[in-house]
């Protein structure tokens, strides 16, 4: 999964690090994005865009979906 995200993220400016914490098959995993952006909103938009593109264009992520965590 990280390899897929890095391929997508490599086209974006400001991405410094990605981290994935996955649980058992079918369970919940967490993605952490370390990005440089002028505002929190732009950082969140950047992370969401990367995730959306990865899910839309990677057959290996078929059936995966995003559940945002509210701060």
PDB file of N, CA and C in Angstrom:
ATOM      1  N   UNK A   1       0.811  -1.184   0.000  1.00  0.00           N
ATOM      2  CA  UNK A   1       0.000   0.000   0.000  1.00  0.00           C
ATOM      3  C   UNK A   1       0.863   1.260   0.000  1.00  0.00           C
ATOM      4  N   UNK A   2       1.893   1.267   0.804  1.00  0.00           N
ATOM      5  CA  UNK A   2       2.762   2.446   0.830  1.00  0.00           C
ATOM      6  C   UNK A   2       3.409   2.702  -0.523  1.00  0.00           C
ATOM      7  N   UNK A   3       3.790   1.642  -1.211  1.00  0.00           N
ATOM      8  CA  UNK A   3       4.380   1.824  -2.539  1.00  0.00           C
ATOM      9  C   UNK A   3       3.399   2.514  -3.472  1.00  0.00           C
ATOM     10  N   UNK A   4       2.145   2.114  -3.419  1.00  0.00           N
ATOM     11  CA  UNK A   4       1.118   2.728  -4.270  1.00  0.00           C
ATOM     12  C   UNK A   4       0.954   4.198  -3.907  1.00  0.00           C
ATOM     13  N   UNK A   5       0.880   4.499  -2.629  1.00  0.00           N
ATOM     14  CA  UNK A   5       0.725   5.888  -2.200  1.00  0.00           C
ATOM     15  C   UNK A   5       1.924   6.732  -2.605  1.00  0.00           C
ATOM     16  N   UNK A   6       3.135   6.182  -2.481  1.00  0.00           N
ATOM     17  CA  UNK A   6       4.317   6.945  -2.858  1.00  0.00           C
ATOM     18  C   UNK A   6       4.341   7.244  -4.348  1.00  0.00           C
ATOM     19  N   UNK A   7       3.881   6.306  -5.166  1.00  0.00           N
ATOM     20  CA  UNK A   7       3.831   6.574  -6.612  1.00  0.00           C
ATOM     21  C   UNK A   7       2.916   7.763  -6.876  1.00  0.00           C
ATOM     22  N   UNK A   8       1.765   7.783  -6.242  1.00  0.00           N
ATOM     23  CA  UNK A   8       0.819   8.892  -6.423  1.00  0.00           C
ATOM     24  C   UNK A   8       1.377  10.171  -5.803  1.00  0.00           C
ATOM     25  N   UNK A   9       1.940  10.069  -4.608  1.00  0.00           N
ATOM     26  CA  UNK A   9       2.435  11.241  -3.882  1.00  0.00           C
ATOM     27  C   UNK A   9       3.643  11.872  -4.551  1.00  0.00           C
ATOM     28  N   UNK A  10       4.378  11.093  -5.331  1.00  0.00           N
ATOM     29  CA  UNK A  10       5.594  11.623  -5.952  1.00  0.00           C
ATOM     30  C   UNK A  10       5.305  12.763  -6.923  1.00  0.00           C
ATOM     31  N   UNK A  11       4.052  12.915  -7.335  1.00  0.00           N
ATOM     32  CA  UNK A  11       3.672  13.988  -8.247  1.00  0.00           C
ATOM     33  C   UNK A  11       3.278  15.262  -7.495  1.00  0.00           C
ATOM     34  N   UNK A  12       3.295  15.222  -6.166  1.00  0.00           N
ATOM     35  CA  UNK A  12       2.866  16.356  -5.351  1.00  0.00           C
ATOM     36  C   UNK A  12       4.062  17.014  -4.669  1.00  0.00           C
ATOM     37  N   UNK A  13       4.008  18.333  -4.535  1.00  0.00           N
ATOM     38  CA  UNK A  13       5.028  19.059  -3.801  1.00  0.00           C
ATOM     39  C   UNK A  13       4.615  19.126  -2.333  1.00  0.00           C
ATOM     40  N   UNK A  14       5.570  18.978  -1.445  1.00  0.00           N
ATOM     41  CA  UNK A  14       5.291  19.125  -0.024  1.00  0.00           C
ATOM     42  C   UNK A  14       5.190  17.824   0.743  1.00  0.00           C
ATOM     43  N   UNK A  15       5.118  16.695   0.060  1.00  0.00           N
ATOM     44  CA  UNK A  15       5.017  15.413   0.757  1.00  0.00           C
ATOM     45  C   UNK A  15       6.413  15.033   1.248  1.00  0.00           C
ATOM     46  N   UNK A  16       6.538  14.841   2.554  1.00  0.00           N
ATOM     47  CA  UNK A  16       7.835  14.492   3.128  1.00  0.00           C
ATOM     48  C   UNK A  16       7.912  13.043   3.573  1.00  0.00           C
ATOM     49  N   UNK A  17       6.818  12.518   4.076  1.00  0.00           N
ATOM     50  CA  UNK A  17       6.839  11.147   4.596  1.00  0.00           C
ATOM     51  C   UNK A  17       5.419  10.604   4.629  1.00  0.00           C
ATOM     52  N   UNK A  18       5.288   9.317   4.413  1.00  0.00           N
ATOM     53  CA  UNK A  18       4.005   8.618   4.542  1.00  0.00           C
ATOM     54  C   UNK A  18       4.214   7.451   5.490  1.00  0.00           C
ATOM     55  N   UNK A  19       3.213   7.171   6.291  1.00  0.00           N
ATOM     56  CA  UNK A  19       3.278   6.032   7.210  1.00  0.00           C
ATOM     57  C   UNK A  19       1.940   5.312   7.161  1.00  0.00           C
ATOM     58  N   UNK A  20       1.991   3.994   7.116  1.00  0.00           N
ATOM     59  CA  UNK A  20       0.760   3.186   7.145  1.00  0.00           C
ATOM     60  C   UNK A  20       0.854   2.208   8.301  1.00  0.00           C
ATOM     61  N   UNK A  21      -0.209   2.140   9.051  1.00  0.00           N
ATOM     62  CA  UNK A  21      -0.336   1.190  10.149  1.00  0.00           C
ATOM     63  C   UNK A  21      -1.532   0.324   9.809  1.00  0.00           C
ATOM     64  N   UNK A  22      -1.290  -0.940   9.487  1.00  0.00           N
ATOM     65  CA  UNK A  22      -2.408  -1.806   9.091  1.00  0.00           C
ATOM     66  C   UNK A  22      -2.653  -2.861  10.164  1.00  0.00           C
ATOM     67  N   UNK A  23      -3.910  -3.191  10.317  1.00  0.00           N
ATOM     68  CA  UNK A  23      -4.290  -4.215  11.281  1.00  0.00           C
ATOM     69  C   UNK A  23      -4.555  -5.519  10.537  1.00  0.00           C
ATOM     70  N   UNK A  24      -5.200  -6.433  11.185  1.00  0.00           N
ATOM     71  CA  UNK A  24      -5.528  -7.719  10.574  1.00  0.00           C
ATOM     72  C   UNK A  24      -6.345  -7.513   9.299  1.00  0.00           C
ATOM     73  N   UNK A  25      -6.329  -8.496   8.414  1.00  0.00           N
ATOM     74  CA  UNK A  25      -7.085  -8.420   7.155  1.00  0.00           C
ATOM     75  C   UNK A  25      -8.533  -8.050   7.430  1.00  0.00           C
ATOM     76  N   UNK A  26      -9.022  -7.081   6.705  1.00  0.00           N
ATOM     77  CA  UNK A  26     -10.404  -6.644   6.859  1.00  0.00           C
ATOM     78  C   UNK A  26     -10.602  -5.655   7.985  1.00  0.00           C
ATOM     79  N   UNK A  27      -9.540  -5.364   8.724  1.00  0.00           N
ATOM     80  CA  UNK A  27      -9.656  -4.433   9.841  1.00  0.00           C
ATOM     81  C   UNK A  27      -9.383  -3.007   9.421  1.00  0.00           C
ATOM     82  N   UNK A  28      -9.191  -2.162  10.401  1.00  0.00           N
ATOM     83  CA  UNK A  28      -8.951  -0.745  10.176  1.00  0.00           C
ATOM     84  C   UNK A  28      -7.446  -0.492  10.141  1.00  0.00           C
ATOM     85  N   UNK A  29      -7.017   0.322   9.210  1.00  0.00           N
ATOM     86  CA  UNK A  29      -5.629   0.762   9.145  1.00  0.00           C
ATOM     87  C   UNK A  29      -5.594   2.276   9.221  1.00  0.00           C
ATOM     88  N   UNK A  30      -4.438   2.817   9.486  1.00  0.00           N
ATOM     89  CA  UNK A  30      -4.299   4.267   9.580  1.00  0.00           C
ATOM     90  C   UNK A  30      -3.188   4.740   8.666  1.00  0.00           C
ATOM     91  N   UNK A  31      -3.452   5.825   7.987  1.00  0.00           N
ATOM     92  CA  UNK A  31      -2.438   6.478   7.159  1.00  0.00           C
ATOM     93  C   UNK A  31      -2.059   7.784   7.832  1.00  0.00           C
ATOM     94  N   UNK A  32      -0.777   8.075   7.831  1.00  0.00           N
ATOM     95  CA  UNK A  32      -0.295   9.348   8.357  1.00  0.00           C
ATOM     96  C   UNK A  32       0.510  10.020   7.257  1.00  0.00           C
ATOM     97  N   UNK A  33       0.172  11.256   6.975  1.00  0.00           N
ATOM     98  CA  UNK A  33       0.861  12.043   5.953  1.00  0.00           C
ATOM     99  C   UNK A  33       1.646  13.146   6.649  1.00  0.00           C
ATOM    100  N   UNK A  34       2.910  13.268   6.297  1.00  0.00           N
ATOM    101  CA  UNK A  34       3.716  14.382   6.753  1.00  0.00           C
ATOM    102  C   UNK A  34       3.944  15.259   5.532  1.00  0.00           C
ATOM    103  N   UNK A  35       3.301  16.428   5.520  1.00  0.00           N
ATOM    104  CA  UNK A  35       3.372  17.316   4.363  1.00  0.00           C
ATOM    105  C   UNK A  35       3.658  18.743   4.810  1.00  0.00           C
ATOM    106  N   UNK A  36       4.248  19.497   3.891  1.00  0.00           N
ATOM    107  CA  UNK A  36       4.438  20.934   4.109  1.00  0.00           C
ATOM    108  C   UNK A  36       3.359  21.649   3.305  1.00  0.00           C
ATOM    109  N   UNK A  37       2.593  22.450   3.999  1.00  0.00           N
ATOM    110  CA  UNK A  37       1.535  23.217   3.347  1.00  0.00           C
ATOM    111  C   UNK A  37       1.326  24.502   4.148  1.00  0.00           C
ATOM    112  N   UNK A  38       0.870  25.552   3.488  1.00  0.00           N
ATOM    113  CA  UNK A  38       0.711  26.826   4.186  1.00  0.00           C
ATOM    114  C   UNK A  38      -0.411  26.832   5.225  1.00  0.00           C
ATOM    115  N   UNK A  39      -1.399  25.946   5.056  1.00  0.00           N
ATOM    116  CA  UNK A  39      -2.500  25.884   6.019  1.00  0.00           C
ATOM    117  C   UNK A  39      -2.881  24.421   6.278  1.00  0.00           C
ATOM    118  N   UNK A  40      -3.569  24.220   7.385  1.00  0.00           N
ATOM    119  CA  UNK A  40      -4.057  22.880   7.698  1.00  0.00           C
ATOM    120  C   UNK A  40      -4.998  22.386   6.601  1.00  0.00           C
ATOM    121  N   UNK A  41      -5.856  23.261   6.116  1.00  0.00           N
ATOM    122  CA  UNK A  41      -6.821  22.885   5.093  1.00  0.00           C
ATOM    123  C   UNK A  41      -6.125  22.407   3.817  1.00  0.00           C
ATOM    124  N   UNK A  42      -5.050  23.089   3.429  1.00  0.00           N
ATOM    125  CA  UNK A  42      -4.322  22.671   2.227  1.00  0.00           C
ATOM    126  C   UNK A  42      -3.597  21.347   2.455  1.00  0.00           C
ATOM    127  N   UNK A  43      -3.098  21.130   3.652  1.00  0.00           N
ATOM    128  CA  UNK A  43      -2.441  19.855   3.974  1.00  0.00           C
ATOM    129  C   UNK A  43      -3.439  18.710   3.912  1.00  0.00           C
ATOM    130  N   UNK A  44      -4.629  18.914   4.466  1.00  0.00           N
ATOM    131  CA  UNK A  44      -5.677  17.890   4.432  1.00  0.00           C
ATOM    132  C   UNK A  44      -6.119  17.634   2.998  1.00  0.00           C
ATOM    133  N   UNK A  45      -6.289  18.684   2.212  1.00  0.00           N
ATOM    134  CA  UNK A  45      -6.690  18.522   0.810  1.00  0.00           C
ATOM    135  C   UNK A  45      -5.631  17.745   0.027  1.00  0.00           C
ATOM    136  N   UNK A  46      -4.371  18.003   0.282  1.00  0.00           N
ATOM    137  CA  UNK A  46      -3.292  17.290  -0.385  1.00  0.00           C
ATOM    138  C   UNK A  46      -3.350  15.799  -0.042  1.00  0.00           C
ATOM    139  N   UNK A  47      -3.482  15.477   1.236  1.00  0.00           N
ATOM    140  CA  UNK A  47      -3.552  14.076   1.670  1.00  0.00           C
ATOM    141  C   UNK A  47      -4.782  13.377   1.091  1.00  0.00           C
ATOM    142  N   UNK A  48      -5.910  14.052   1.092  1.00  0.00           N
ATOM    143  CA  UNK A  48      -7.132  13.455   0.527  1.00  0.00           C
ATOM    144  C   UNK A  48      -7.002  13.216  -0.971  1.00  0.00           C
ATOM    145  N   UNK A  49      -6.388  14.153  -1.676  1.00  0.00           N
ATOM    146  CA  UNK A  49      -6.205  13.992  -3.115  1.00  0.00           C
ATOM    147  C   UNK A  49      -5.315  12.797  -3.443  1.00  0.00           C
ATOM    148  N   UNK A  50      -4.225  12.649  -2.703  1.00  0.00           N
ATOM    149  CA  UNK A  50      -3.338  11.505  -2.904  1.00  0.00           C
ATOM    150  C   UNK A  50      -4.097  10.209  -2.666  1.00  0.00           C
ATOM    151  N   UNK A  51      -4.833  10.164  -1.581  1.00  0.00           N
ATOM    152  CA  UNK A  51      -5.573   8.944  -1.229  1.00  0.00           C
ATOM    153  C   UNK A  51      -6.643   8.627  -2.268  1.00  0.00           C
ATOM    154  N   UNK A  52      -7.383   9.638  -2.702  1.00  0.00           N
ATOM    155  CA  UNK A  52      -8.428   9.425  -3.719  1.00  0.00           C
ATOM    156  C   UNK A  52      -7.842   8.877  -5.007  1.00  0.00           C
ATOM    157  N   UNK A  53      -6.737   9.465  -5.467  1.00  0.00           N
ATOM    158  CA  UNK A  53      -6.119   8.997  -6.707  1.00  0.00           C
ATOM    159  C   UNK A  53      -5.592   7.579  -6.569  1.00  0.00           C
ATOM    160  N   UNK A  54      -5.011   7.268  -5.431  1.00  0.00           N
ATOM    161  CA  UNK A  54      -4.503   5.909  -5.218  1.00  0.00           C
ATOM    162  C   UNK A  54      -5.645   4.901  -5.254  1.00  0.00           C
ATOM    163  N   UNK A  55      -6.743   5.208  -4.586  1.00  0.00           N
ATOM    164  CA  UNK A  55      -7.889   4.291  -4.570  1.00  0.00           C
ATOM    165  C   UNK A  55      -8.529   4.158  -5.946  1.00  0.00           C
ATOM    166  N   UNK A  56      -8.588   5.252  -6.691  1.00  0.00           N
ATOM    167  CA  UNK A  56      -9.250   5.239  -7.996  1.00  0.00           C
ATOM    168  C   UNK A  56      -8.421   4.536  -9.075  1.00  0.00           C
ATOM    169  N   UNK A  57      -7.101   4.542  -8.923  1.00  0.00           N
ATOM    170  CA  UNK A  57      -6.244   4.070 -10.009  1.00  0.00           C
ATOM    171  C   UNK A  57      -5.434   2.815  -9.698  1.00  0.00           C
ATOM    172  N   UNK A  58      -5.671   2.199  -8.571  1.00  0.00           N
ATOM    173  CA  UNK A  58      -4.867   1.040  -8.177  1.00  0.00           C
ATOM    174  C   UNK A  58      -5.749  -0.179  -7.925  1.00  0.00           C
ATOM    175  N   UNK A  59      -5.731  -1.132  -8.854  1.00  0.00           N
ATOM    176  CA  UNK A  59      -6.547  -2.336  -8.674  1.00  0.00           C
ATOM    177  C   UNK A  59      -6.257  -3.060  -7.356  1.00  0.00           C
ATOM    178  N   UNK A  60      -5.043  -2.939  -6.851  1.00  0.00           N
ATOM    179  CA  UNK A  60      -4.695  -3.586  -5.590  1.00  0.00           C
ATOM    180  C   UNK A  60      -5.429  -3.019  -4.389  1.00  0.00           C
ATOM    181  N   UNK A  61      -6.050  -1.863  -4.561  1.00  0.00           N
ATOM    182  CA  UNK A  61      -6.793  -1.244  -3.460  1.00  0.00           C
ATOM    183  C   UNK A  61      -8.305  -1.324  -3.680  1.00  0.00           C
ATOM    184  N   UNK A  62      -8.732  -2.166  -4.603  1.00  0.00           N
ATOM    185  CA  UNK A  62     -10.163  -2.345  -4.839  1.00  0.00           C
ATOM    186  C   UNK A  62     -10.840  -2.780  -3.547  1.00  0.00           C
ATOM    187  N   UNK A  63     -11.933  -2.131  -3.216  1.00  0.00           N
ATOM    188  CA  UNK A  63     -12.674  -2.458  -1.997  1.00  0.00           C
ATOM    189  C   UNK A  63     -12.239  -1.656  -0.777  1.00  0.00           C
ATOM    190  N   UNK A  64     -11.137  -0.947  -0.885  1.00  0.00           N
ATOM    191  CA  UNK A  64     -10.679  -0.103   0.214  1.00  0.00           C
ATOM    192  C   UNK A  64     -11.465   1.201   0.185  1.00  0.00           C
ATOM    193  N   UNK A  65     -11.639   1.827   1.321  1.00  0.00           N
ATOM    194  CA  UNK A  65     -12.286   3.135   1.376  1.00  0.00           C
ATOM    195  C   UNK A  65     -11.714   3.945   2.522  1.00  0.00           C
ATOM    196  N   UNK A  66     -11.968   5.232   2.491  1.00  0.00           N
ATOM    197  CA  UNK A  66     -11.435   6.168   3.479  1.00  0.00           C
ATOM    198  C   UNK A  66     -12.524   6.555   4.447  1.00  0.00           C
ATOM    199  N   UNK A  67     -12.167   6.542   5.719  1.00  0.00           N
ATOM    200  CA  UNK A  67     -13.044   7.044   6.777  1.00  0.00           C
ATOM    201  C   UNK A  67     -12.256   8.111   7.510  1.00  0.00           C
ATOM    202  N   UNK A  68     -12.533   9.388   7.223  1.00  0.00           N
ATOM    203  CA  UNK A  68     -11.764  10.457   7.865  1.00  0.00           C
ATOM    204  C   UNK A  68     -11.939  10.463   9.386  1.00  0.00           C
ATOM    205  N   UNK A  69     -10.867  10.768  10.070  1.00  0.00           N
ATOM    206  CA  UNK A  69     -10.914  10.917  11.517  1.00  0.00           C
ATOM    207  C   UNK A  69     -10.964  12.398  11.817  1.00  0.00           C
ATOM    208  N   UNK A  70     -11.933  12.806  12.581  1.00  0.00           N
ATOM    209  CA  UNK A  70     -12.081  14.213  12.928  1.00  0.00           C
ATOM    210  C   UNK A  70     -11.217  14.530  14.151  1.00  0.00           C
ATOM    211  N   UNK A  71     -10.501  15.663  14.109  1.00  0.00           N
ATOM    212  CA  UNK A  71      -9.647  16.030  15.262  1.00  0.00           C
ATOM    213  C   UNK A  71     -10.469  16.424  16.469  1.00  0.00           C
TER     214      UNK A  71
END
